[in-house]
Structures are given as C-alpha cells and as structure tokens.
C-alpha cells in the first residue's frame, strides 16, 4: 500500500467511525511510515458543535476550532487505532 492509498483508507475509516459526530472538512495534516510498513496519518477536521458547559452551541464553520486525530493504518489498510493529537 502506497502513501496515497493509506491516506484514502485512513480518511474513509475515520469518517465511518465518526459518522454520528458529523465531522466536516476532514483533511490530511501529516503522514509518517511505521517500522512494520504501516502508517500514522494525522487528520484535521471540524465538528459542527462546540461544547460549552452542558450547552451545545452551533458555531459557524470559520470560527470552529480544528481538531486533530492520529489514525494508525496497517500496511493492508486496516484501522489499528485513532488517537488524539496534542496541539501546541
């Protein structure tokens, strides 16, 4: 699996897992190969809501904070994990 295929698999699996969250603007941020020929792929995205206390507020897309997740994909395109990425 080349890098383009790995990125496509990561995006597809990510959107499937987070389908109930209605994530938007999913985009590639970083790619890193692993020792076992898999991939760590960082995806950035927006959520259609921002939690403020217990209330949910709808926020225009331009003003939403961007979230990031690291998607670990095997060399066969299988989803191995999705983890939070710390933002500096």
PDB file of N, CA and C in Angstrom:
ATOM      1  N   UNK A   1       0.855  -1.176   0.000  1.00  0.00           N
ATOM      2  CA  UNK A   1       0.000   0.000   0.000  1.00  0.00           C
ATOM      3  C   UNK A   1       0.897   1.233   0.000  1.00  0.00           C
ATOM      4  N   UNK A   2       0.681   2.105  -0.982  1.00  0.00           N
ATOM      5  CA  UNK A   2       1.484   3.327  -1.026  1.00  0.00           C
ATOM      6  C   UNK A   2       0.824   4.406  -0.160  1.00  0.00           C
ATOM      7  N   UNK A   3       1.489   5.541  -0.055  1.00  0.00           N
ATOM      8  CA  UNK A   3       1.033   6.596   0.841  1.00  0.00           C
ATOM      9  C   UNK A   3      -0.345   7.135   0.449  1.00  0.00           C
ATOM     10  N   UNK A   4      -0.601   7.284  -0.840  1.00  0.00           N
ATOM     11  CA  UNK A   4      -1.913   7.794  -1.285  1.00  0.00           C
ATOM     12  C   UNK A   4      -3.042   6.840  -0.893  1.00  0.00           C
ATOM     13  N   UNK A   5      -2.804   5.550  -1.052  1.00  0.00           N
ATOM     14  CA  UNK A   5      -3.804   4.550  -0.669  1.00  0.00           C
ATOM     15  C   UNK A   5      -4.010   4.544   0.848  1.00  0.00           C
ATOM     16  N   UNK A   6      -2.925   4.702   1.598  1.00  0.00           N
ATOM     17  CA  UNK A   6      -3.017   4.719   3.058  1.00  0.00           C
ATOM     18  C   UNK A   6      -3.828   5.917   3.544  1.00  0.00           C
ATOM     19  N   UNK A   7      -3.589   7.081   2.942  1.00  0.00           N
ATOM     20  CA  UNK A   7      -4.329   8.288   3.316  1.00  0.00           C
ATOM     21  C   UNK A   7      -5.811   8.117   3.001  1.00  0.00           C
ATOM     22  N   UNK A   8      -6.122   7.586   1.827  1.00  0.00           N
ATOM     23  CA  UNK A   8      -7.517   7.360   1.449  1.00  0.00           C
ATOM     24  C   UNK A   8      -8.187   6.387   2.410  1.00  0.00           C
ATOM     25  N   UNK A   9      -7.479   5.325   2.789  1.00  0.00           N
ATOM     26  CA  UNK A   9      -8.034   4.343   3.735  1.00  0.00           C
ATOM     27  C   UNK A   9      -8.259   4.987   5.106  1.00  0.00           C
ATOM     28  N   UNK A  10      -7.308   5.798   5.557  1.00  0.00           N
ATOM     29  CA  UNK A  10      -7.438   6.459   6.858  1.00  0.00           C
ATOM     30  C   UNK A  10      -8.636   7.392   6.879  1.00  0.00           C
ATOM     31  N   UNK A  11      -8.793   8.194   5.837  1.00  0.00           N
ATOM     32  CA  UNK A  11      -9.932   9.121   5.773  1.00  0.00           C
ATOM     33  C   UNK A  11     -11.258   8.353   5.755  1.00  0.00           C
ATOM     34  N   UNK A  12     -11.310   7.305   4.936  1.00  0.00           N
ATOM     35  CA  UNK A  12     -12.535   6.514   4.825  1.00  0.00           C
ATOM     36  C   UNK A  12     -12.906   5.884   6.164  1.00  0.00           C
ATOM     37  N   UNK A  13     -11.935   5.271   6.824  1.00  0.00           N
ATOM     38  CA  UNK A  13     -12.197   4.613   8.112  1.00  0.00           C
ATOM     39  C   UNK A  13     -12.566   5.646   9.181  1.00  0.00           C
ATOM     40  N   UNK A  14     -11.868   6.779   9.173  1.00  0.00           N
ATOM     41  CA  UNK A  14     -12.138   7.839  10.147  1.00  0.00           C
ATOM     42  C   UNK A  14     -13.569   8.339  10.025  1.00  0.00           C
ATOM     43  N   UNK A  15     -13.992   8.633   8.809  1.00  0.00           N
ATOM     44  CA  UNK A  15     -15.351   9.138   8.580  1.00  0.00           C
ATOM     45  C   UNK A  15     -16.389   8.087   8.980  1.00  0.00           C
ATOM     46  N   UNK A  16     -16.104   6.806   8.738  1.00  0.00           N
ATOM     47  CA  UNK A  16     -17.016   5.732   9.147  1.00  0.00           C
ATOM     48  C   UNK A  16     -17.165   5.690  10.673  1.00  0.00           C
ATOM     49  N   UNK A  17     -16.044   5.743  11.368  1.00  0.00           N
ATOM     50  CA  UNK A  17     -16.064   5.658  12.831  1.00  0.00           C
ATOM     51  C   UNK A  17     -16.764   6.862  13.460  1.00  0.00           C
ATOM     52  N   UNK A  18     -16.550   8.050  12.892  1.00  0.00           N
ATOM     53  CA  UNK A  18     -17.093   9.278  13.455  1.00  0.00           C
ATOM     54  C   UNK A  18     -18.371   9.749  12.752  1.00  0.00           C
ATOM     55  N   UNK A  19     -19.065   8.855  12.052  1.00  0.00           N
ATOM     56  CA  UNK A  19     -20.236   9.267  11.269  1.00  0.00           C
ATOM     57  C   UNK A  19     -21.319   9.910  12.127  1.00  0.00           C
ATOM     58  N   UNK A  20     -21.516   9.468  13.356  1.00  0.00           N
ATOM     59  CA  UNK A  20     -22.533  10.055  14.227  1.00  0.00           C
ATOM     60  C   UNK A  20     -22.131  11.424  14.762  1.00  0.00           C
ATOM     61  N   UNK A  21     -20.859  11.779  14.612  1.00  0.00           N
ATOM     62  CA  UNK A  21     -20.358  13.077  15.072  1.00  0.00           C
ATOM     63  C   UNK A  21     -20.503  14.151  13.996  1.00  0.00           C
ATOM     64  N   UNK A  22     -20.794  13.736  12.774  1.00  0.00           N
ATOM     65  CA  UNK A  22     -20.974  14.660  11.639  1.00  0.00           C
ATOM     66  C   UNK A  22     -19.754  15.549  11.426  1.00  0.00           C
ATOM     67  N   UNK A  23     -18.557  14.945  11.445  1.00  0.00           N
ATOM     68  CA  UNK A  23     -17.328  15.709  11.242  1.00  0.00           C
ATOM     69  C   UNK A  23     -17.312  16.310   9.844  1.00  0.00           C
ATOM     70  N   UNK A  24     -16.654  17.453   9.720  1.00  0.00           N
ATOM     71  CA  UNK A  24     -16.594  18.192   8.458  1.00  0.00           C
ATOM     72  C   UNK A  24     -15.154  18.567   8.149  1.00  0.00           C
ATOM     73  N   UNK A  25     -14.901  18.853   6.885  1.00  0.00           N
ATOM     74  CA  UNK A  25     -13.603  19.377   6.444  1.00  0.00           C
ATOM     75  C   UNK A  25     -12.436  18.479   6.850  1.00  0.00           C
ATOM     76  N   UNK A  26     -12.597  17.169   6.678  1.00  0.00           N
ATOM     77  CA  UNK A  26     -11.536  16.220   7.014  1.00  0.00           C
ATOM     78  C   UNK A  26     -10.406  16.390   6.014  1.00  0.00           C
ATOM     79  N   UNK A  27      -9.213  16.659   6.536  1.00  0.00           N
ATOM     80  CA  UNK A  27      -8.074  16.887   5.647  1.00  0.00           C
ATOM     81  C   UNK A  27      -6.789  16.310   6.206  1.00  0.00           C
ATOM     82  N   UNK A  28      -5.891  15.984   5.309  1.00  0.00           N
ATOM     83  CA  UNK A  28      -4.584  15.444   5.668  1.00  0.00           C
ATOM     84  C   UNK A  28      -3.712  16.528   6.286  1.00  0.00           C
ATOM     85  N   UNK A  29      -3.054  16.190   7.386  1.00  0.00           N
ATOM     86  CA  UNK A  29      -2.111  17.112   8.030  1.00  0.00           C
ATOM     87  C   UNK A  29      -0.688  16.568   7.996  1.00  0.00           C
ATOM     88  N   UNK A  30      -0.520  15.280   8.342  1.00  0.00           N
ATOM     89  CA  UNK A  30       0.818  14.681   8.391  1.00  0.00           C
ATOM     90  C   UNK A  30       0.732  13.192   8.077  1.00  0.00           C
ATOM     91  N   UNK A  31       1.839  12.647   7.577  1.00  0.00           N
ATOM     92  CA  UNK A  31       1.955  11.209   7.325  1.00  0.00           C
ATOM     93  C   UNK A  31       3.327  10.759   7.814  1.00  0.00           C
ATOM     94  N   UNK A  32       3.339   9.610   8.501  1.00  0.00           N
ATOM     95  CA  UNK A  32       4.603   9.027   8.950  1.00  0.00           C
ATOM     96  C   UNK A  32       4.523   7.522   8.765  1.00  0.00           C
ATOM     97  N   UNK A  33       5.520   6.946   8.109  1.00  0.00           N
ATOM     98  CA  UNK A  33       5.582   5.495   7.967  1.00  0.00           C
ATOM     99  C   UNK A  33       6.023   4.855   9.274  1.00  0.00           C
ATOM    100  N   UNK A  34       5.613   3.615   9.497  1.00  0.00           N
ATOM    101  CA  UNK A  34       6.000   2.883  10.707  1.00  0.00           C
ATOM    102  C   UNK A  34       6.998   1.792  10.339  1.00  0.00           C
ATOM    103  N   UNK A  35       7.636   1.225  11.340  1.00  0.00           N
ATOM    104  CA  UNK A  35       8.635   0.179  11.113  1.00  0.00           C
ATOM    105  C   UNK A  35       8.035  -1.063  10.474  1.00  0.00           C
ATOM    106  N   UNK A  36       6.750  -1.318  10.708  1.00  0.00           N
ATOM    107  CA  UNK A  36       6.095  -2.517  10.161  1.00  0.00           C
ATOM    108  C   UNK A  36       5.408  -2.232   8.825  1.00  0.00           C
ATOM    109  N   UNK A  37       5.781  -1.147   8.174  1.00  0.00           N
ATOM    110  CA  UNK A  37       5.238  -0.736   6.869  1.00  0.00           C
ATOM    111  C   UNK A  37       3.803  -0.234   6.935  1.00  0.00           C
ATOM    112  N   UNK A  38       3.343   0.117   8.128  1.00  0.00           N
ATOM    113  CA  UNK A  38       2.043   0.764   8.269  1.00  0.00           C
ATOM    114  C   UNK A  38       2.224   2.271   8.230  1.00  0.00           C
ATOM    115  N   UNK A  39       1.188   2.979   8.641  1.00  0.00           N
ATOM    116  CA  UNK A  39       1.211   4.442   8.548  1.00  0.00           C
ATOM    117  C   UNK A  39       0.541   5.090   9.756  1.00  0.00           C
ATOM    118  N   UNK A  40       1.126   6.199  10.233  1.00  0.00           N
ATOM    119  CA  UNK A  40       0.470   7.105  11.178  1.00  0.00           C
ATOM    120  C   UNK A  40       0.054   8.316  10.359  1.00  0.00           C
ATOM    121  N   UNK A  41      -1.246   8.537  10.275  1.00  0.00           N
ATOM    122  CA  UNK A  41      -1.780   9.612   9.443  1.00  0.00           C
ATOM    123  C   UNK A  41      -2.557  10.576  10.327  1.00  0.00           C
ATOM    124  N   UNK A  42      -2.116  11.827  10.381  1.00  0.00           N
ATOM    125  CA  UNK A  42      -2.801  12.841  11.169  1.00  0.00           C
ATOM    126  C   UNK A  42      -3.835  13.530  10.295  1.00  0.00           C
ATOM    127  N   UNK A  43      -5.075  13.522  10.771  1.00  0.00           N
ATOM    128  CA  UNK A  43      -6.177  14.170  10.063  1.00  0.00           C
ATOM    129  C   UNK A  43      -6.693  15.337  10.894  1.00  0.00           C
ATOM    130  N   UNK A  44      -6.962  16.448  10.245  1.00  0.00           N
ATOM    131  CA  UNK A  44      -7.602  17.592  10.883  1.00  0.00           C
ATOM    132  C   UNK A  44      -9.056  17.622  10.447  1.00  0.00           C
ATOM    133  N   UNK A  45      -9.925  18.141  11.319  1.00  0.00           N
ATOM    134  CA  UNK A  45     -11.352  18.187  10.996  1.00  0.00           C
ATOM    135  C   UNK A  45     -12.057  19.179  11.914  1.00  0.00           C
ATOM    136  N   UNK A  46     -13.295  19.504  11.544  1.00  0.00           N
ATOM    137  CA  UNK A  46     -14.147  20.350  12.379  1.00  0.00           C
ATOM    138  C   UNK A  46     -15.357  19.543  12.807  1.00  0.00           C
ATOM    139  N   UNK A  47     -15.853  19.867  13.984  1.00  0.00           N
ATOM    140  CA  UNK A  47     -17.121  19.295  14.454  1.00  0.00           C
ATOM    141  C   UNK A  47     -18.175  20.388  14.317  1.00  0.00           C
ATOM    142  N   UNK A  48     -19.432  20.006  14.077  1.00  0.00           N
ATOM    143  CA  UNK A  48     -20.470  21.028  13.868  1.00  0.00           C
ATOM    144  C   UNK A  48     -20.940  21.693  15.157  1.00  0.00           C
ATOM    145  N   UNK A  49     -20.321  21.361  16.272  1.00  0.00           N
ATOM    146  CA  UNK A  49     -20.742  21.910  17.551  1.00  0.00           C
ATOM    147  C   UNK A  49     -19.522  22.158  18.429  1.00  0.00           C
ATOM    148  N   UNK A  50     -19.716  22.995  19.428  1.00  0.00           N
ATOM    149  CA  UNK A  50     -18.697  23.239  20.441  1.00  0.00           C
ATOM    150  C   UNK A  50     -19.385  23.091  21.778  1.00  0.00           C
ATOM    151  N   UNK A  51     -18.837  22.278  22.660  1.00  0.00           N
ATOM    152  CA  UNK A  51     -19.438  22.112  23.978  1.00  0.00           C
ATOM    153  C   UNK A  51     -19.019  23.259  24.883  1.00  0.00           C
ATOM    154  N   UNK A  52     -19.970  23.889  25.500  1.00  0.00           N
ATOM    155  CA  UNK A  52     -19.713  24.978  26.445  1.00  0.00           C
ATOM    156  C   UNK A  52     -20.506  24.648  27.706  1.00  0.00           C
ATOM    157  N   UNK A  53     -19.817  24.082  28.687  1.00  0.00           N
ATOM    158  CA  UNK A  53     -20.539  23.609  29.865  1.00  0.00           C
ATOM    159  C   UNK A  53     -21.413  22.442  29.444  1.00  0.00           C
ATOM    160  N   UNK A  54     -22.689  22.521  29.733  1.00  0.00           N
ATOM    161  CA  UNK A  54     -23.623  21.475  29.341  1.00  0.00           C
ATOM    162  C   UNK A  54     -24.407  21.843  28.086  1.00  0.00           C
ATOM    163  N   UNK A  55     -24.231  23.063  27.620  1.00  0.00           N
ATOM    164  CA  UNK A  55     -24.993  23.523  26.453  1.00  0.00           C
ATOM    165  C   UNK A  55     -24.208  23.254  25.185  1.00  0.00           C
ATOM    166  N   UNK A  56     -24.917  22.950  24.123  1.00  0.00           N
ATOM    167  CA  UNK A  56     -24.288  22.771  22.820  1.00  0.00           C
ATOM    168  C   UNK A  56     -24.636  23.989  21.974  1.00  0.00           C
ATOM    169  N   UNK A  57     -23.615  24.619  21.444  1.00  0.00           N
ATOM    170  CA  UNK A  57     -23.817  25.814  20.635  1.00  0.00           C
ATOM    171  C   UNK A  57     -23.382  25.537  19.207  1.00  0.00           C
ATOM    172  N   UNK A  58     -24.183  25.936  18.257  1.00  0.00           N
ATOM    173  CA  UNK A  58     -23.778  25.833  16.857  1.00  0.00           C
ATOM    174  C   UNK A  58     -22.914  27.038  16.534  1.00  0.00           C
ATOM    175  N   UNK A  59     -21.790  26.794  15.925  1.00  0.00           N
ATOM    176  CA  UNK A  59     -20.818  27.837  15.636  1.00  0.00           C
ATOM    177  C   UNK A  59     -20.535  27.822  14.135  1.00  0.00           C
ATOM    178  N   UNK A  60     -20.479  28.977  13.470  1.00  0.00           N
ATOM    179  CA  UNK A  60     -20.156  28.992  12.046  1.00  0.00           C
ATOM    180  C   UNK A  60     -18.830  28.278  11.770  1.00  0.00           C
ATOM    181  N   UNK A  61     -18.738  27.611  10.625  1.00  0.00           N
ATOM    182  CA  UNK A  61     -17.558  26.813  10.275  1.00  0.00           C
ATOM    183  C   UNK A  61     -16.257  27.589  10.434  1.00  0.00           C
ATOM    184  N   UNK A  62     -16.207  28.818   9.999  1.00  0.00           N
ATOM    185  CA  UNK A  62     -14.972  29.606  10.042  1.00  0.00           C
ATOM    186  C   UNK A  62     -14.479  29.844  11.465  1.00  0.00           C
ATOM    187  N   UNK A  63     -15.369  29.783  12.446  1.00  0.00           N
ATOM    188  CA  UNK A  63     -14.987  30.074  13.828  1.00  0.00           C
ATOM    189  C   UNK A  63     -14.802  28.820  14.690  1.00  0.00           C
ATOM    190  N   UNK A  64     -14.967  27.653  14.102  1.00  0.00           N
ATOM    191  CA  UNK A  64     -14.833  26.421  14.879  1.00  0.00           C
ATOM    192  C   UNK A  64     -13.370  26.054  15.055  1.00  0.00           C
ATOM    193  N   UNK A  65     -13.030  25.570  16.249  1.00  0.00           N
ATOM    194  CA  UNK A  65     -11.657  25.101  16.426  1.00  0.00           C
ATOM    195  C   UNK A  65     -11.437  23.829  15.605  1.00  0.00           C
ATOM    196  N   UNK A  66     -10.223  23.642  15.146  1.00  0.00           N
ATOM    197  CA  UNK A  66      -9.874  22.451  14.372  1.00  0.00           C
ATOM    198  C   UNK A  66      -9.396  21.390  15.347  1.00  0.00           C
ATOM    199  N   UNK A  67      -9.862  20.168  15.177  1.00  0.00           N
ATOM    200  CA  UNK A  67      -9.414  19.033  15.984  1.00  0.00           C
ATOM    201  C   UNK A  67      -8.500  18.175  15.136  1.00  0.00           C
ATOM    202  N   UNK A  68      -7.666  17.378  15.804  1.00  0.00           N
ATOM    203  CA  UNK A  68      -6.707  16.533  15.113  1.00  0.00           C
ATOM    204  C   UNK A  68      -6.692  15.152  15.736  1.00  0.00           C
ATOM    205  N   UNK A  69      -6.623  14.129  14.889  1.00  0.00           N
ATOM    206  CA  UNK A  69      -6.527  12.743  15.334  1.00  0.00           C
ATOM    207  C   UNK A  69      -5.416  12.068  14.540  1.00  0.00           C
ATOM    208  N   UNK A  70      -4.723  11.136  15.198  1.00  0.00           N
ATOM    209  CA  UNK A  70      -3.722  10.315  14.527  1.00  0.00           C
ATOM    210  C   UNK A  70      -4.356   8.959  14.256  1.00  0.00           C
ATOM    211  N   UNK A  71      -4.438   8.613  12.987  1.00  0.00           N
ATOM    212  CA  UNK A  71      -5.036   7.356  12.562  1.00  0.00           C
ATOM    213  C   UNK A  71      -3.896   6.408  12.195  1.00  0.00           C
ATOM    214  N   UNK A  72      -3.842   5.258  12.868  1.00  0.00           N
ATOM    215  CA  UNK A  72      -2.814   4.256  12.584  1.00  0.00           C
ATOM    216  C   UNK A  72      -3.436   3.207  11.671  1.00  0.00           C
ATOM    217  N   UNK A  73      -2.880   3.089  10.471  1.00  0.00           N
ATOM    218  CA  UNK A  73      -3.375   2.162   9.463  1.00  0.00           C
ATOM    219  C   UNK A  73      -2.291   1.130   9.183  1.00  0.00           C
ATOM    220  N   UNK A  74      -2.679  -0.147   9.103  1.00  0.00           N
ATOM    221  CA  UNK A  74      -1.710  -1.200   8.791  1.00  0.00           C
ATOM    222  C   UNK A  74      -1.314  -1.146   7.329  1.00  0.00           C
ATOM    223  N   UNK A  75      -0.317  -1.926   6.968  1.00  0.00           N
ATOM    224  CA  UNK A  75       0.130  -1.976   5.571  1.00  0.00           C
ATOM    225  C   UNK A  75      -0.956  -2.528   4.651  1.00  0.00           C
ATOM    226  N   UNK A  76      -1.975  -3.191   5.233  1.00  0.00           N
ATOM    227  CA  UNK A  76      -3.098  -3.730   4.460  1.00  0.00           C
ATOM    228  C   UNK A  76      -4.311  -2.801   4.453  1.00  0.00           C
ATOM    229  N   UNK A  77      -4.181  -1.614   5.075  1.00  0.00           N
ATOM    230  CA  UNK A  77      -5.280  -0.659   5.088  1.00  0.00           C
ATOM    231  C   UNK A  77      -6.273  -0.852   6.217  1.00  0.00           C
ATOM    232  N   UNK A  78      -5.955  -1.719   7.168  1.00  0.00           N
ATOM    233  CA  UNK A  78      -6.843  -1.935   8.310  1.00  0.00           C
ATOM    234  C   UNK A  78      -6.616  -0.851   9.359  1.00  0.00           C
ATOM    235  N   UNK A  79      -7.696  -0.404   9.961  1.00  0.00           N
ATOM    236  CA  UNK A  79      -7.622   0.587  11.039  1.00  0.00           C
ATOM    237  C   UNK A  79      -7.099  -0.086  12.297  1.00  0.00           C
ATOM    238  N   UNK A  80      -6.003   0.423  12.854  1.00  0.00           N
ATOM    239  CA  UNK A  80      -5.437  -0.130  14.076  1.00  0.00           C
ATOM    240  C   UNK A  80      -5.778   0.723  15.290  1.00  0.00           C
ATOM    241  N   UNK A  81      -5.803   2.038  15.119  1.00  0.00           N
ATOM    242  CA  UNK A  81      -6.156   2.919  16.235  1.00  0.00           C
ATOM    243  C   UNK A  81      -6.438   4.327  15.732  1.00  0.00           C
ATOM    244  N   UNK A  82      -7.156   5.068  16.579  1.00  0.00           N
ATOM    245  CA  UNK A  82      -7.371   6.504  16.374  1.00  0.00           C
ATOM    246  C   UNK A  82      -7.089   7.160  17.717  1.00  0.00           C
ATOM    247  N   UNK A  83      -6.143   8.089  17.742  1.00  0.00           N
ATOM    248  CA  UNK A  83      -5.741   8.737  18.991  1.00  0.00           C
ATOM    249  C   UNK A  83      -5.781  10.255  18.836  1.00  0.00           C
ATOM    250  N   UNK A  84      -5.930  10.943  19.943  1.00  0.00           N
ATOM    251  CA  UNK A  84      -5.857  12.402  19.942  1.00  0.00           C
ATOM    252  C   UNK A  84      -4.434  12.840  19.645  1.00  0.00           C
ATOM    253  N   UNK A  85      -4.323  13.928  18.920  1.00  0.00           N
ATOM    254  CA  UNK A  85      -3.020  14.553  18.719  1.00  0.00           C
ATOM    255  C   UNK A  85      -2.988  15.821  19.531  1.00  0.00           C
ATOM    256  N   UNK A  86      -1.945  15.966  20.305  1.00  0.00           N
ATOM    257  CA  UNK A  86      -1.784  17.179  21.101  1.00  0.00           C
ATOM    258  C   UNK A  86      -1.469  18.345  20.177  1.00  0.00           C
ATOM    259  N   UNK A  87      -2.142  19.458  20.383  1.00  0.00           N
ATOM    260  CA  UNK A  87      -1.887  20.649  19.589  1.00  0.00           C
ATOM    261  C   UNK A  87      -1.103  21.632  20.445  1.00  0.00           C
ATOM    262  N   UNK A  88       0.069  22.085  19.933  1.00  0.00           N
ATOM    263  CA  UNK A  88       0.894  23.005  20.743  1.00  0.00           C
ATOM    264  C   UNK A  88       0.226  24.334  20.963  1.00  0.00           C
TER     265      UNK A  88
END
